[in-house]
C-alpha atoms as a PDB file:
ATOM      1  CA  UNK A   1      46.345 -44.699  99.538  1.00  0.00           C
ATOM      2  CA  UNK A   2      49.807 -43.149  99.182  1.00  0.00           C
ATOM      3  CA  UNK A   3      52.042 -43.219  96.142  1.00  0.00           C
ATOM      4  CA  UNK A   4      55.561 -44.678  96.277  1.00  0.00           C
ATOM      5  CA  UNK A   5      58.519 -42.512  97.192  1.00  0.00           C
ATOM      6  CA  UNK A   6      60.685 -44.233  94.575  1.00  0.00           C
ATOM      7  CA  UNK A   7      59.651 -45.238  91.067  1.00  0.00           C
ATOM      8  CA  UNK A   8      60.843 -48.541  89.598  1.00  0.00           C
ATOM      9  CA  UNK A   9      58.361 -48.765  86.719  1.00  0.00           C
ATOM     10  CA  UNK A  10      60.100 -49.773  83.503  1.00  0.00           C
ATOM     11  CA  UNK A  11      60.651 -47.128  80.826  1.00  0.00           C
ATOM     12  CA  UNK A  12      58.449 -48.937  78.313  1.00  0.00           C
ATOM     13  CA  UNK A  13      55.644 -49.166  80.835  1.00  0.00           C
ATOM     14  CA  UNK A  14      56.026 -45.490  81.666  1.00  0.00           C
ATOM     15  CA  UNK A  15      55.607 -44.679  77.996  1.00  0.00           C
ATOM     16  CA  UNK A  16      52.493 -46.851  77.942  1.00  0.00           C
ATOM     17  CA  UNK A  17      51.174 -44.996  80.988  1.00  0.00           C
ATOM     18  CA  UNK A  18      51.954 -41.642  79.386  1.00  0.00           C
ATOM     19  CA  UNK A  19      49.904 -42.600  76.331  1.00  0.00           C
ATOM     20  CA  UNK A  20      47.041 -43.695  78.591  1.00  0.00           C
ATOM     21  CA  UNK A  21      47.208 -40.299  80.293  1.00  0.00           C
ATOM     22  CA  UNK A  22      47.088 -38.498  76.935  1.00  0.00           C
ATOM     23  CA  UNK A  23      43.970 -40.482  76.002  1.00  0.00           C
ATOM     24  CA  UNK A  24      42.301 -39.338  79.223  1.00  0.00           C
ATOM     25  CA  UNK A  25      43.245 -35.724  78.455  1.00  0.00           C
ATOM     26  CA  UNK A  26      41.510 -36.114  75.073  1.00  0.00           C
ATOM     27  CA  UNK A  27      38.382 -37.330  76.855  1.00  0.00           C
ATOM     28  CA  UNK A  28      38.682 -34.401  79.246  1.00  0.00           C
ATOM     29  CA  UNK A  29      38.867 -31.836  76.440  1.00  0.00           C
ATOM     30  CA  UNK A  30      35.789 -33.376  74.834  1.00  0.00           C
ATOM     31  CA  UNK A  31      33.837 -33.298  78.120  1.00  0.00           C
ATOM     32  CA  UNK A  32      34.797 -29.683  78.835  1.00  0.00           C
ATOM     33  CA  UNK A  33      33.386 -28.533  75.496  1.00  0.00           C
ATOM     34  CA  UNK A  34      30.174 -30.551  75.636  1.00  0.00           C
ATOM     35  CA  UNK A  35      27.075 -28.395  76.162  1.00  0.00           C
ATOM     36  CA  UNK A  36      24.303 -30.934  75.654  1.00  0.00           C
ATOM     37  CA  UNK A  37      22.649 -32.498  72.639  1.00  0.00           C
ATOM     38  CA  UNK A  38      19.993 -30.646  70.658  1.00  0.00           C
ATOM     39  CA  UNK A  39      17.401 -33.417  71.055  1.00  0.00           C
ATOM     40  CA  UNK A  40      13.985 -31.964  71.907  1.00  0.00           C
ATOM     41  CA  UNK A  41      12.072 -35.207  72.443  1.00  0.00           C
ATOM     42  CA  UNK A  42      14.804 -37.040  74.342  1.00  0.00           C
ATOM     43  CA  UNK A  43      13.851 -39.914  76.618  1.00  0.00           C
ATOM     44  CA  UNK A  44      16.820 -39.055  78.848  1.00  0.00           C
ATOM     45  CA  UNK A  45      16.293 -39.968  82.507  1.00  0.00           C
ATOM     46  CA  UNK A  46      18.465 -38.442  85.211  1.00  0.00           C
ATOM     47  CA  UNK A  47      17.774 -41.341  87.554  1.00  0.00           C
ATOM     48  CA  UNK A  48      18.728 -43.932  84.928  1.00  0.00           C
ATOM     49  CA  UNK A  49      21.826 -41.910  84.066  1.00  0.00           C
ATOM     50  CA  UNK A  50      22.866 -41.762  87.739  1.00  0.00           C
ATOM     51  CA  UNK A  51      22.551 -45.543  88.044  1.00  0.00           C
ATOM     52  CA  UNK A  52      24.669 -46.149  84.937  1.00  0.00           C
ATOM     53  CA  UNK A  53      27.323 -43.684  86.146  1.00  0.00           C
ATOM     54  CA  UNK A  54      27.340 -45.317  89.582  1.00  0.00           C
ATOM     55  CA  UNK A  55      28.019 -48.728  88.031  1.00  0.00           C
ATOM     56  CA  UNK A  56      30.763 -47.381  85.737  1.00  0.00           C
ATOM     57  CA  UNK A  57      32.508 -45.487  88.523  1.00  0.00           C
ATOM     58  CA  UNK A  58      32.358 -48.482  90.870  1.00  0.00           C
ATOM     59  CA  UNK A  59      34.071 -50.643  88.250  1.00  0.00           C
ATOM     60  CA  UNK A  60      36.718 -48.002  87.481  1.00  0.00           C
ATOM     61  CA  UNK A  61      37.325 -47.482  91.189  1.00  0.00           C
ATOM     62  CA  UNK A  62      38.169 -51.159  91.623  1.00  0.00           C
ATOM     63  CA  UNK A  63      40.549 -51.157  88.649  1.00  0.00           C
ATOM     64  CA  UNK A  64      42.292 -48.009  89.896  1.00  0.00           C
ATOM     65  CA  UNK A  65      42.840 -49.589  93.302  1.00  0.00           C
ATOM     66  CA  UNK A  66      44.519 -52.573  91.616  1.00  0.00           C
ATOM     67  CA  UNK A  67      46.491 -50.162  89.424  1.00  0.00           C
ATOM     68  CA  UNK A  68      47.981 -48.313  92.404  1.00  0.00           C
ATOM     69  CA  UNK A  69      48.961 -51.564  94.081  1.00  0.00           C
ATOM     70  CA  UNK A  70      50.654 -52.687  90.854  1.00  0.00           C
ATOM     71  CA  UNK A  71      52.579 -49.402  90.612  1.00  0.00           C
ATOM     72  CA  UNK A  72      54.077 -49.659  94.085  1.00  0.00           C
ATOM     73  CA  UNK A  73      57.618 -51.110  94.344  1.00  0.00           C
ATOM     74  CA  UNK A  74      58.278 -53.660  93.195  1.00  0.00           C
ATOM     75  CA  UNK A  75      56.232 -52.517  90.184  1.00  0.00           C
ATOM     76  CA  UNK A  76      54.217 -55.143  88.343  1.00  0.00           C
ATOM     77  CA  UNK A  77      54.689 -53.944  84.760  1.00  0.00           C
ATOM     78  CA  UNK A  78      52.556 -56.661  83.181  1.00  0.00           C
ATOM     79  CA  UNK A  79      49.686 -55.901  85.555  1.00  0.00           C
ATOM     80  CA  UNK A  80      49.987 -52.158  84.928  1.00  0.00           C
ATOM     81  CA  UNK A  81      49.822 -52.630  81.157  1.00  0.00           C
ATOM     82  CA  UNK A  82      46.799 -54.902  81.540  1.00  0.00           C
ATOM     83  CA  UNK A  83      44.895 -52.464  83.778  1.00  0.00           C
ATOM     84  CA  UNK A  84      45.396 -49.258  81.770  1.00  0.00           C
ATOM     85  CA  UNK A  85      43.061 -50.270  78.893  1.00  0.00           C
ATOM     86  CA  UNK A  86      40.372 -51.284  81.390  1.00  0.00           C
ATOM     87  CA  UNK A  87      40.577 -47.946  83.204  1.00  0.00           C
ATOM     88  CA  UNK A  88      40.576 -45.987  79.942  1.00  0.00           C
ATOM     89  CA  UNK A  89      37.614 -48.003  78.653  1.00  0.00           C
ATOM     90  CA  UNK A  90      35.653 -47.240  81.812  1.00  0.00           C
ATOM     91  CA  UNK A  91      36.411 -43.521  81.573  1.00  0.00           C
ATOM     92  CA  UNK A  92      35.457 -43.569  77.889  1.00  0.00           C
ATOM     93  CA  UNK A  93      32.097 -45.099  78.834  1.00  0.00           C
ATOM     94  CA  UNK A  94      31.655 -42.378  81.445  1.00  0.00           C
ATOM     95  CA  UNK A  95      32.231 -39.582  78.930  1.00  0.00           C
ATOM     96  CA  UNK A  96      30.088 -41.394  76.359  1.00  0.00           C
ATOM     97  CA  UNK A  97      27.161 -41.496  78.799  1.00  0.00           C
ATOM     98  CA  UNK A  98      27.734 -37.849  79.705  1.00  0.00           C
ATOM     99  CA  UNK A  99      27.522 -37.037  75.993  1.00  0.00           C
ATOM    100  CA  UNK A 100      23.910 -38.260  75.920  1.00  0.00           C
ATOM    101  CA  UNK A 101      22.587 -35.464  78.142  1.00  0.00           C
ATOM    102  CA  UNK A 102      20.294 -33.120  76.179  1.00  0.00           C
ATOM    103  CA  UNK A 103      20.275 -29.363  76.697  1.00  0.00           C
ATOM    104  CA  UNK A 104      16.654 -29.556  77.774  1.00  0.00           C
ATOM    105  CA  UNK A 105      17.768 -31.474  80.881  1.00  0.00           C
ATOM    106  CA  UNK A 106      18.810 -28.081  82.249  1.00  0.00           C
ATOM    107  CA  UNK A 107      21.897 -25.901  82.192  1.00  0.00           C
ATOM    108  CA  UNK A 108      22.656 -26.210  85.901  1.00  0.00           C
ATOM    109  CA  UNK A 109      22.281 -29.991  85.835  1.00  0.00           C
ATOM    110  CA  UNK A 110      24.604 -30.264  82.839  1.00  0.00           C
ATOM    111  CA  UNK A 111      27.209 -28.004  84.470  1.00  0.00           C
ATOM    112  CA  UNK A 112      27.166 -29.961  87.725  1.00  0.00           C
ATOM    113  CA  UNK A 113      27.561 -33.312  85.980  1.00  0.00           C
ATOM    114  CA  UNK A 114      30.270 -31.943  83.696  1.00  0.00           C
ATOM    115  CA  UNK A 115      32.166 -30.547  86.682  1.00  0.00           C
ATOM    116  CA  UNK A 116      32.065 -33.932  88.439  1.00  0.00           C
ATOM    117  CA  UNK A 117      33.122 -35.826  85.293  1.00  0.00           C
ATOM    118  CA  UNK A 118      35.994 -33.439  84.531  1.00  0.00           C
ATOM    119  CA  UNK A 119      37.292 -33.493  88.091  1.00  0.00           C
ATOM    120  CA  UNK A 120      37.409 -37.280  88.009  1.00  0.00           C
ATOM    121  CA  UNK A 121      39.309 -37.271  84.710  1.00  0.00           C
ATOM    122  CA  UNK A 122      41.788 -34.675  85.961  1.00  0.00           C
ATOM    123  CA  UNK A 123      42.294 -36.654  89.164  1.00  0.00           C
ATOM    124  CA  UNK A 124      43.104 -39.773  87.127  1.00  0.00           C
ATOM    125  CA  UNK A 125      45.693 -37.887  85.052  1.00  0.00           C
ATOM    126  CA  UNK A 126      47.290 -36.544  88.236  1.00  0.00           C
ATOM    127  CA  UNK A 127      47.336 -40.054  89.662  1.00  0.00           C
ATOM    128  CA  UNK A 128      49.097 -41.399  86.546  1.00  0.00           C
ATOM    129  CA  UNK A 129      51.549 -38.489  86.683  1.00  0.00           C
ATOM    130  CA  UNK A 130      52.562 -39.469  90.193  1.00  0.00           C
ATOM    131  CA  UNK A 131      54.154 -42.592  88.689  1.00  0.00           C
ATOM    132  CA  UNK A 132      55.747 -40.917  85.659  1.00  0.00           C
ATOM    133  CA  UNK A 133      59.101 -39.245  85.163  1.00  0.00           C
ATOM    134  CA  UNK A 134      57.751 -37.414  82.099  1.00  0.00           C
ATOM    135  CA  UNK A 135      54.413 -35.941  83.191  1.00  0.00           C
ATOM    136  CA  UNK A 136      51.281 -35.693  81.081  1.00  0.00           C
ATOM    137  CA  UNK A 137      50.634 -31.987  80.566  1.00  0.00           C
ATOM    138  CA  UNK A 138      47.333 -30.377  81.470  1.00  0.00           C
ATOM    139  CA  UNK A 139      46.381 -27.048  79.919  1.00  0.00           C
ATOM    140  CA  UNK A 140      46.467 -23.854  81.959  1.00  0.00           C
ATOM    141  CA  UNK A 141      42.700 -23.536  81.508  1.00  0.00           C
ATOM    142  CA  UNK A 142      42.109 -26.948  83.074  1.00  0.00           C
ATOM    143  CA  UNK A 143      44.437 -26.240  85.989  1.00  0.00           C
ATOM    144  CA  UNK A 144      42.724 -22.883  86.570  1.00  0.00           C
ATOM    145  CA  UNK A 145      39.370 -24.684  86.842  1.00  0.00           C
ATOM    146  CA  UNK A 146      40.803 -27.253  89.273  1.00  0.00           C
ATOM    147  CA  UNK A 147      43.148 -25.238  91.542  1.00  0.00           C
ATOM    148  CA  UNK A 148      43.049 -27.568  94.535  1.00  0.00           C
ATOM    149  CA  UNK A 149      43.635 -30.888  92.789  1.00  0.00           C
ATOM    150  CA  UNK A 150      47.283 -31.487  93.641  1.00  0.00           C
ATOM    151  CA  UNK A 151      46.851 -34.638  95.711  1.00  0.00           C
ATOM    152  CA  UNK A 152      46.384 -38.020  94.035  1.00  0.00           C
ATOM    153  CA  UNK A 153      44.128 -39.082  96.886  1.00  0.00           C
ATOM    154  CA  UNK A 154      41.302 -36.912  95.553  1.00  0.00           C
ATOM    155  CA  UNK A 155      40.496 -39.477  92.859  1.00  0.00           C
ATOM    156  CA  UNK A 156      38.312 -41.439  95.276  1.00  0.00           C
ATOM    157  CA  UNK A 157      36.660 -38.258  96.489  1.00  0.00           C
ATOM    158  CA  UNK A 158      35.581 -37.426  92.956  1.00  0.00           C
ATOM    159  CA  UNK A 159      34.431 -40.977  92.299  1.00  0.00           C
ATOM    160  CA  UNK A 160      32.193 -40.549  95.323  1.00  0.00           C
ATOM    161  CA  UNK A 161      31.011 -37.186  94.004  1.00  0.00           C
ATOM    162  CA  UNK A 162      30.089 -38.769  90.683  1.00  0.00           C
ATOM    163  CA  UNK A 163      27.994 -41.345  92.516  1.00  0.00           C
ATOM    164  CA  UNK A 164      26.081 -38.476  94.152  1.00  0.00           C
ATOM    165  CA  UNK A 165      25.333 -36.289  91.137  1.00  0.00           C
ATOM    166  CA  UNK A 166      21.872 -34.668  91.157  1.00  0.00           C
ATOM    167  CA  UNK A 167      19.112 -36.608  89.431  1.00  0.00           C
ATOM    168  CA  UNK A 168      17.675 -33.603  87.583  1.00  0.00           C
ATOM    169  CA  UNK A 169      17.916 -29.849  87.122  1.00  0.00           C
ATOM    170  CA  UNK A 170      15.691 -29.094  90.092  1.00  0.00           C
ATOM    171  CA  UNK A 171      17.978 -31.048  92.422  1.00  0.00           C
ATOM    172  CA  UNK A 172      21.066 -29.380  90.927  1.00  0.00           C
ATOM    173  CA  UNK A 173      19.637 -25.874  91.296  1.00  0.00           C
ATOM    174  CA  UNK A 174      18.342 -26.556  94.809  1.00  0.00           C
ATOM    175  CA  UNK A 175      21.712 -27.862  96.014  1.00  0.00           C
ATOM    176  CA  UNK A 176      23.568 -24.763  94.783  1.00  0.00           C
ATOM    177  CA  UNK A 177      20.803 -22.459  95.971  1.00  0.00           C
ATOM    178  CA  UNK A 178      20.891 -23.787  99.520  1.00  0.00           C
ATOM    179  CA  UNK A 179      24.670 -23.650  99.852  1.00  0.00           C
ATOM    180  CA  UNK A 180      25.742 -20.706  97.701  1.00  0.00           C
ATOM    181  CA  UNK A 181      22.732 -18.370  97.805  1.00  0.00           C
ATOM    182  CA  UNK A 182      20.597 -18.936 100.906  1.00  0.00           C
ATOM    183  CA  UNK A 183      23.484 -20.294 102.968  1.00  0.00           C
ATOM    184  CA  UNK A 184      25.789 -17.320 102.386  1.00  0.00           C
ATOM    185  CA  UNK A 185      23.008 -14.747 102.796  1.00  0.00           C
ATOM    186  CA  UNK A 186      22.014 -16.416 106.065  1.00  0.00           C
ATOM    187  CA  UNK A 187      25.629 -16.355 107.248  1.00  0.00           C
ATOM    188  CA  UNK A 188      25.938 -12.656 106.424  1.00  0.00           C
ATOM    189  CA  UNK A 189      22.758 -11.887 108.377  1.00  0.00           C
ATOM    190  CA  UNK A 190      23.973 -13.814 111.407  1.00  0.00           C
ATOM    191  CA  UNK A 191      27.427 -12.212 111.347  1.00  0.00           C
ATOM    192  CA  UNK A 192      25.993  -8.701 111.063  1.00  0.00           C
ATOM    193  CA  UNK A 193      23.566  -9.423 113.892  1.00  0.00           C
ATOM    194  CA  UNK A 194      26.440 -10.628 116.097  1.00  0.00           C
ATOM    195  CA  UNK A 195      28.512  -7.545 115.271  1.00  0.00           C
ATOM    196  CA  UNK A 196      25.565  -5.313 116.147  1.00  0.00           C
ATOM    197  CA  UNK A 197      25.019  -7.101 119.448  1.00  0.00           C
ATOM    198  CA  UNK A 198      28.711  -6.833 120.352  1.00  0.00           C
ATOM    199  CA  UNK A 199      28.850  -3.152 119.436  1.00  0.00           C
ATOM    200  CA  UNK A 200      25.685  -2.346 121.371  1.00  0.00           C
ATOM    201  CA  UNK A 201      26.913  -4.281 124.403  1.00  0.00           C
ATOM    202  CA  UNK A 202      30.150  -2.317 124.252  1.00  0.00           C
ATOM    203  CA  UNK A 203      28.173   0.909 124.568  1.00  0.00           C
ATOM    204  CA  UNK A 204      26.741  -0.216 127.904  1.00  0.00           C
ATOM    205  CA  UNK A 205      30.268  -0.862 129.222  1.00  0.00           C
ATOM    206  CA  UNK A 206      31.627   2.595 128.442  1.00  0.00           C
ATOM    207  CA  UNK A 207      30.885   3.873 131.939  1.00  0.00           C
ATOM    208  CA  UNK A 208      32.829   1.026 133.493  1.00  0.00           C
ATOM    209  CA  UNK A 209      35.780   1.226 131.145  1.00  0.00           C
ATOM    210  CA  UNK A 210      37.376   4.219 132.944  1.00  0.00           C
ATOM    211  CA  UNK A 211      37.596   2.223 136.141  1.00  0.00           C
ATOM    212  CA  UNK A 212      39.582  -0.555 134.494  1.00  0.00           C
ATOM    213  CA  UNK A 213      43.330  -0.639 133.944  1.00  0.00           C
ATOM    214  CA  UNK A 214      44.499   1.121 130.797  1.00  0.00           C
ATOM    215  CA  UNK A 215      46.991  -1.689 130.351  1.00  0.00           C
ATOM    216  CA  UNK A 216      44.316  -4.372 130.067  1.00  0.00           C
ATOM    217  CA  UNK A 217      44.928  -6.720 127.144  1.00  0.00           C
ATOM    218  CA  UNK A 218      41.276  -7.745 127.137  1.00  0.00           C
ATOM    219  CA  UNK A 219      39.902  -4.420 125.923  1.00  0.00           C
ATOM    220  CA  UNK A 220      37.262  -5.024 123.270  1.00  0.00           C
ATOM    221  CA  UNK A 221      37.107  -2.985 120.073  1.00  0.00           C
ATOM    222  CA  UNK A 222      33.652  -3.219 118.460  1.00  0.00           C
ATOM    223  CA  UNK A 223      33.454  -4.100 114.767  1.00  0.00           C
ATOM    224  CA  UNK A 224      30.924  -1.340 114.059  1.00  0.00           C
ATOM    225  CA  UNK A 225      31.741   2.275 115.058  1.00  0.00           C
ATOM    226  CA  UNK A 226      29.113   4.041 117.162  1.00  0.00           C
ATOM    227  CA  UNK A 227      28.170   6.492 114.431  1.00  0.00           C
ATOM    228  CA  UNK A 228      27.361   3.610 112.064  1.00  0.00           C
ATOM    229  CA  UNK A 229      25.271   1.422 114.344  1.00  0.00           C
ATOM    230  CA  UNK A 230      21.934   2.953 113.349  1.00  0.00           C
ATOM    231  CA  UNK A 231      22.640   2.474 109.662  1.00  0.00           C
ATOM    232  CA  UNK A 232      23.821  -1.077 110.406  1.00  0.00           C
ATOM    233  CA  UNK A 233      20.432  -1.795 111.987  1.00  0.00           C
ATOM    234  CA  UNK A 234      18.685  -0.677 108.793  1.00  0.00           C
ATOM    235  CA  UNK A 235      21.077  -2.806 106.763  1.00  0.00           C
ATOM    236  CA  UNK A 236      20.284  -5.795 108.943  1.00  0.00           C
ATOM    237  CA  UNK A 237      16.551  -5.400 108.244  1.00  0.00           C
ATOM    238  CA  UNK A 238      17.204  -5.348 104.486  1.00  0.00           C
ATOM    239  CA  UNK A 239      19.504  -8.381 104.674  1.00  0.00           C
ATOM    240  CA  UNK A 240      16.890 -10.216 106.740  1.00  0.00           C
ATOM    241  CA  UNK A 241      14.407  -9.512 103.954  1.00  0.00           C
ATOM    242  CA  UNK A 242      16.919 -10.927 101.463  1.00  0.00           C
ATOM    243  CA  UNK A 243      17.285 -14.022 103.624  1.00  0.00           C
ATOM    244  CA  UNK A 244      13.501 -14.495 103.753  1.00  0.00           C
ATOM    245  CA  UNK A 245      13.158 -14.082  99.982  1.00  0.00           C
ATOM    246  CA  UNK A 246      15.960 -16.577  99.316  1.00  0.00           C
ATOM    247  CA  UNK A 247      14.449 -19.122 101.688  1.00  0.00           C
ATOM    248  CA  UNK A 248      10.996 -18.662 100.161  1.00  0.00           C
ATOM    249  CA  UNK A 249      12.293 -19.023  96.593  1.00  0.00           C
ATOM    250  CA  UNK A 250      14.286 -22.100  97.579  1.00  0.00           C
ATOM    251  CA  UNK A 251      11.268 -23.794  99.129  1.00  0.00           C
ATOM    252  CA  UNK A 252       8.260 -22.646  97.116  1.00  0.00           C
ATOM    253  CA  UNK A 253       9.779 -22.120  93.666  1.00  0.00           C
ATOM    254  CA  UNK A 254      12.653 -24.598  93.440  1.00  0.00           C
ATOM    255  CA  UNK A 255      11.959 -27.443  95.862  1.00  0.00           C
ATOM    256  CA  UNK A 256       8.210 -27.488  95.219  1.00  0.00           C
ATOM    257  CA  UNK A 257       8.504 -27.293  91.418  1.00  0.00           C
ATOM    258  CA  UNK A 258       6.785 -30.384  90.039  1.00  0.00           C
ATOM    259  CA  UNK A 259       6.584 -29.468  86.353  1.00  0.00           C
ATOM    260  CA  UNK A 260       9.587 -30.409  84.259  1.00  0.00           C
ATOM    261  CA  UNK A 261       8.820 -29.040  80.811  1.00  0.00           C
ATOM    262  CA  UNK A 262      11.400 -26.910  79.036  1.00  0.00           C
ATOM    263  CA  UNK A 263       9.976 -23.602  80.296  1.00  0.00           C
ATOM    264  CA  UNK A 264      10.095 -24.646  83.961  1.00  0.00           C
ATOM    265  CA  UNK A 265      13.602 -26.074  83.626  1.00  0.00           C
ATOM    266  CA  UNK A 266      14.810 -22.793  82.121  1.00  0.00           C
ATOM    267  CA  UNK A 267      12.954 -20.922  84.884  1.00  0.00           C
ATOM    268  CA  UNK A 268      14.901 -22.830  87.532  1.00  0.00           C
ATOM    269  CA  UNK A 269      18.194 -21.954  85.813  1.00  0.00           C
ATOM    270  CA  UNK A 270      17.202 -18.276  85.640  1.00  0.00           C
ATOM    271  CA  UNK A 271      16.243 -18.240  89.313  1.00  0.00           C
ATOM    272  CA  UNK A 272      19.773 -19.343  90.127  1.00  0.00           C
ATOM    273  CA  UNK A 273      21.166 -16.725  87.741  1.00  0.00           C
ATOM    274  CA  UNK A 274      19.253 -13.987  89.586  1.00  0.00           C
ATOM    275  CA  UNK A 275      19.930 -15.434  93.017  1.00  0.00           C
ATOM    276  CA  UNK A 276      23.690 -15.032  92.711  1.00  0.00           C
ATOM    277  CA  UNK A 277      23.513 -11.200  92.397  1.00  0.00           C
ATOM    278  CA  UNK A 278      21.453 -11.138  95.613  1.00  0.00           C
ATOM    279  CA  UNK A 279      24.194 -13.006  97.452  1.00  0.00           C
ATOM    280  CA  UNK A 280      26.879 -10.769  95.906  1.00  0.00           C
ATOM    281  CA  UNK A 281      24.933  -7.614  96.795  1.00  0.00           C
ATOM    282  CA  UNK A 282      24.585  -8.719 100.416  1.00  0.00           C
ATOM    283  CA  UNK A 283      28.357  -9.179 100.639  1.00  0.00           C
ATOM    284  CA  UNK A 284      28.974  -5.765  99.065  1.00  0.00           C
ATOM    285  CA  UNK A 285      26.490  -4.095 101.399  1.00  0.00           C
ATOM    286  CA  UNK A 286      28.154  -5.514 104.510  1.00  0.00           C
ATOM    287  CA  UNK A 287      31.580  -4.492 103.183  1.00  0.00           C
ATOM    288  CA  UNK A 288      30.314  -0.947 102.500  1.00  0.00           C
ATOM    289  CA  UNK A 289      29.777  -0.452 106.227  1.00  0.00           C
ATOM    290  CA  UNK A 290      33.560  -0.579 106.664  1.00  0.00           C
ATOM    291  CA  UNK A 291      34.372   1.943 103.946  1.00  0.00           C
ATOM    292  CA  UNK A 292      36.844   4.679 104.891  1.00  0.00           C
ATOM    293  CA  UNK A 293      35.932   8.193 105.966  1.00  0.00           C
ATOM    294  CA  UNK A 294      32.710   9.754 104.798  1.00  0.00           C
ATOM    295  CA  UNK A 295      32.507   7.421 101.797  1.00  0.00           C
ATOM    296  CA  UNK A 296      30.753   4.741 103.841  1.00  0.00           C
ATOM    297  CA  UNK A 297      27.366   6.515 103.768  1.00  0.00           C
ATOM    298  CA  UNK A 298      27.369   6.833  99.992  1.00  0.00           C
ATOM    299  CA  UNK A 299      28.657   3.253  99.644  1.00  0.00           C
ATOM    300  CA  UNK A 300      25.907   1.877 101.884  1.00  0.00           C
ATOM    301  CA  UNK A 301      23.182   3.708  99.928  1.00  0.00           C
ATOM    302  CA  UNK A 302      24.631   2.506  96.660  1.00  0.00           C
ATOM    303  CA  UNK A 303      24.832  -1.138  97.737  1.00  0.00           C
ATOM    304  CA  UNK A 304      21.431  -1.067  99.464  1.00  0.00           C
ATOM    305  CA  UNK A 305      19.882   0.158  96.219  1.00  0.00           C
ATOM    306  CA  UNK A 306      21.712  -2.596  94.349  1.00  0.00           C
ATOM    307  CA  UNK A 307      20.447  -5.282  96.732  1.00  0.00           C
ATOM    308  CA  UNK A 308      16.883  -3.966  96.520  1.00  0.00           C
ATOM    309  CA  UNK A 309      17.033  -4.070  92.725  1.00  0.00           C
ATOM    310  CA  UNK A 310      18.479  -7.618  92.752  1.00  0.00           C
ATOM    311  CA  UNK A 311      15.734  -8.802  95.106  1.00  0.00           C
ATOM    312  CA  UNK A 312      13.068  -7.157  92.968  1.00  0.00           C
ATOM    313  CA  UNK A 313      14.342  -8.918  89.842  1.00  0.00           C
ATOM    314  CA  UNK A 314      14.399 -12.266  91.642  1.00  0.00           C
ATOM    315  CA  UNK A 315      10.892 -11.913  93.071  1.00  0.00           C
ATOM    316  CA  UNK A 316       9.499 -10.792  89.710  1.00  0.00           C
ATOM    317  CA  UNK A 317      10.900 -13.929  88.077  1.00  0.00           C
ATOM    318  CA  UNK A 318       9.690 -16.133  90.938  1.00  0.00           C
ATOM    319  CA  UNK A 319       6.118 -14.954  90.356  1.00  0.00           C
ATOM    320  CA  UNK A 320       6.195 -16.415  86.824  1.00  0.00           C
ATOM    321  CA  UNK A 321       5.518 -20.023  87.831  1.00  0.00           C
ATOM    322  CA  UNK A 322       5.144 -20.086  91.614  1.00  0.00           C
ATOM    323  CA  UNK A 323       2.089 -21.978  92.849  1.00  0.00           C
ATOM    324  CA  UNK A 324      -1.022 -19.799  93.223  1.00  0.00           C
ATOM    325  CA  UNK A 325      -1.180 -20.536  96.952  1.00  0.00           C
ATOM    326  CA  UNK A 326       2.115 -18.669  97.462  1.00  0.00           C
ATOM    327  CA  UNK A 327       1.556 -15.960  94.871  1.00  0.00           C
ATOM    328  CA  UNK A 328       0.124 -13.346  97.325  1.00  0.00           C
ATOM    329  CA  UNK A 329       3.320 -13.450  99.432  1.00  0.00           C
ATOM    330  CA  UNK A 330       5.539 -12.805  96.427  1.00  0.00           C
ATOM    331  CA  UNK A 331       3.276 -10.060  95.048  1.00  0.00           C
ATOM    332  CA  UNK A 332       3.239  -8.281  98.414  1.00  0.00           C
ATOM    333  CA  UNK A 333       7.009  -8.645  98.612  1.00  0.00           C
ATOM    334  CA  UNK A 334       7.424  -7.097  95.169  1.00  0.00           C
ATOM    335  CA  UNK A 335       5.259  -4.117  96.143  1.00  0.00           C
ATOM    336  CA  UNK A 336       7.320  -3.518  99.263  1.00  0.00           C
ATOM    337  CA  UNK A 337      10.531  -3.710  97.268  1.00  0.00           C
ATOM    338  CA  UNK A 338       9.153  -1.216  94.760  1.00  0.00           C
ATOM    339  CA  UNK A 339       8.457   1.173  97.631  1.00  0.00           C
ATOM    340  CA  UNK A 340      11.931   0.579  99.054  1.00  0.00           C
ATOM    341  CA  UNK A 341      13.552   1.580  95.761  1.00  0.00           C
ATOM    342  CA  UNK A 342      12.350   5.146  96.331  1.00  0.00           C
ATOM    343  CA  UNK A 343      13.979   5.358  99.765  1.00  0.00           C
ATOM    344  CA  UNK A 344      17.506   5.126  98.341  1.00  0.00           C
ATOM    345  CA  UNK A 345      18.407   8.418  96.680  1.00  0.00           C
ATOM    346  CA  UNK A 346      21.698   7.294  95.217  1.00  0.00           C
ATOM    347  CA  UNK A 347      24.094   9.781  93.720  1.00  0.00           C
ATOM    348  CA  UNK A 348      26.062   7.873  91.119  1.00  0.00           C
END
């Protein structure tokens, strides 16, 4: 739905709307600071929480739709003033339910739910602002966290996101792991493999190149220089190993985790913590191949050692609770990584 080009909402109603927006900002500040309750024996259920949130968001969604219609010219001031308390009450219930989540539910789960709740609240403030002459201010910290939320239409997107929040910490960790860790490492492996194939294919065309017109606009310049192809092949093998480790951790440690005591929940959070450096190290290693001059060799060794260390840390943690049937694979992997550490003589 689009907002009106002209605003004919009465001044008194605008003031009422501004106050409603300030109340939502107060809820937002509370949600941003919430880090979970200290309850150790909580009967909190992620599935029950998701159902309650779904019902709240559905009700708020309907009221917001009526609110936008009422704000369009000719504005229905009485309707607007009647709907604002209903919307604020629904958002208050949402934050109230969010405030029941205990820390033991898992750090990643709490962060994902908080992100979805805060985005919805910010979207509602932006929607209200689209009808105000005097805007409700959002802090620089909030705007920095939500850099792409300039369109009022995103409110419904975030309502939908709230209806799809993960049901527990395992689901939250797995979702991020598949997209941010395994997904990006897999992409890096595929891109490097394609660059290698293109560069190697270019080598076979060198003999034909002299026979072609020097003015050809179709001349191909390989991504990887000839003198770096061999090292790129070794890099590709290491990145493939990283891809295999990430896939194995995602499947056998995160997806297959069936114990949800506090130790296992913290283990899942730590796996994600150690998975991110693997993804970062893969990116840095690929970038090192393009370093200028003679620095590229030192940069590649440095980043390869960093990736090997990151993988070793991840595999060591994975061994802690992985099922015994998969333990031999991880132990063998750790031994191979320990051997690999000695192949990178890095001069720091």
